[in-house]
């Protein structure tokens, strides 16, 4: 690995260390308490954001509902977004969705890296005018407009989009984990972040990250595309990657996350085989496949890896939990996170994948439209 890559990665992970070590533990505990109150009243959480922040919203909506037992929704159906944007304007569609779906007593969680997205600002204004409590997540300027709009306002002291987004994901998932604890032990949150420190900073991922970056460049130069796939939170990470690799890094990338595609292929071929059938149908000879599974044991992801290898496609895997998991043996490059906590594993996967986006760009801070 050359000196430029070494220095870039050293500085890159130092950004995360600074951000994580300034996490607002007290605020996260208060967010947990608000979420419990919503659950106890029979109300719901509503998450909303753009781009990567929408992926975080999808991830949160599933984990808060499935694991934390707090009913949670997000406005990420493509019919809803396009219909409301077309009829009311993009800057107003989230507010109009709140008008249609929010109930008295719901808690609205709004995410914007810059804190300046007009549709998120307008949604916060609607929520305040209609007595809906608001929690915000933002970054960039400390005086960004969104940071003033919530009962709780979480802010990442960084101008690097992917650092801000990934820290938002870490914080949101930490609250989901808090809600799953049987007691209110405040030590849990500190121990949880120690798990992140161990998973992120005590393993040297640099050599693998450089090889992954070089694979992406090679695929792009040959006119191929990167294919990302996973289940649940890993599917949200795949969506995030598909957008950022294409938009920011100029590496054509797709994820198999359209609900028509998932339900049609799962219905026809079975849940264990739908991803492999998508690869068979959509992959071209110069493509590469990136497969994500926290446990490394998801059968549909294992089968997808086998299909990709049968087609002679390079495979990159992301897994965690057992170091001997099945997926970790199937890639040309295999990233493994030393954690048995699903949310820690998923968030570290997101950090590593976003790092490759920024390695391809060559910098962590750059101008872009606000996600």
Foldseek 3Di string as FASTA:
>chain_A
DDPLLVVQVVVLVVLLVVQLVPFDLVLLLVVLVLQVQCQVVVHAEEEEEPQLSQLLQQLLQVLCCPQLVGHYDYQPAPVQQVVQCVVPNNLASLLVVCVVDHDPSYEYEYEWAALARSNRLNNLVSCVVVVHAYEYAYEDDPVRPNQPRHPHYHYGDDQFRLSSSLVVSLSSVLSSVCSNDPDNPSVVSVVSSVLLCCQQPVDDCSVVLVVVLVLLVQLVVVVFAEEEEEDRSSLSLQSSLCVLCCPQLVGHYDYQPNPVLQVVQCVVPNPLASLLVCCVVDGDLSYAYEYEDAALARNNSLSNLVSCVVSVHAYEYAYEDDPPRPNQPRGPHYHYGDDPDSSSSSSSVSSSSVSSSQVSVSHRHDDDPMD
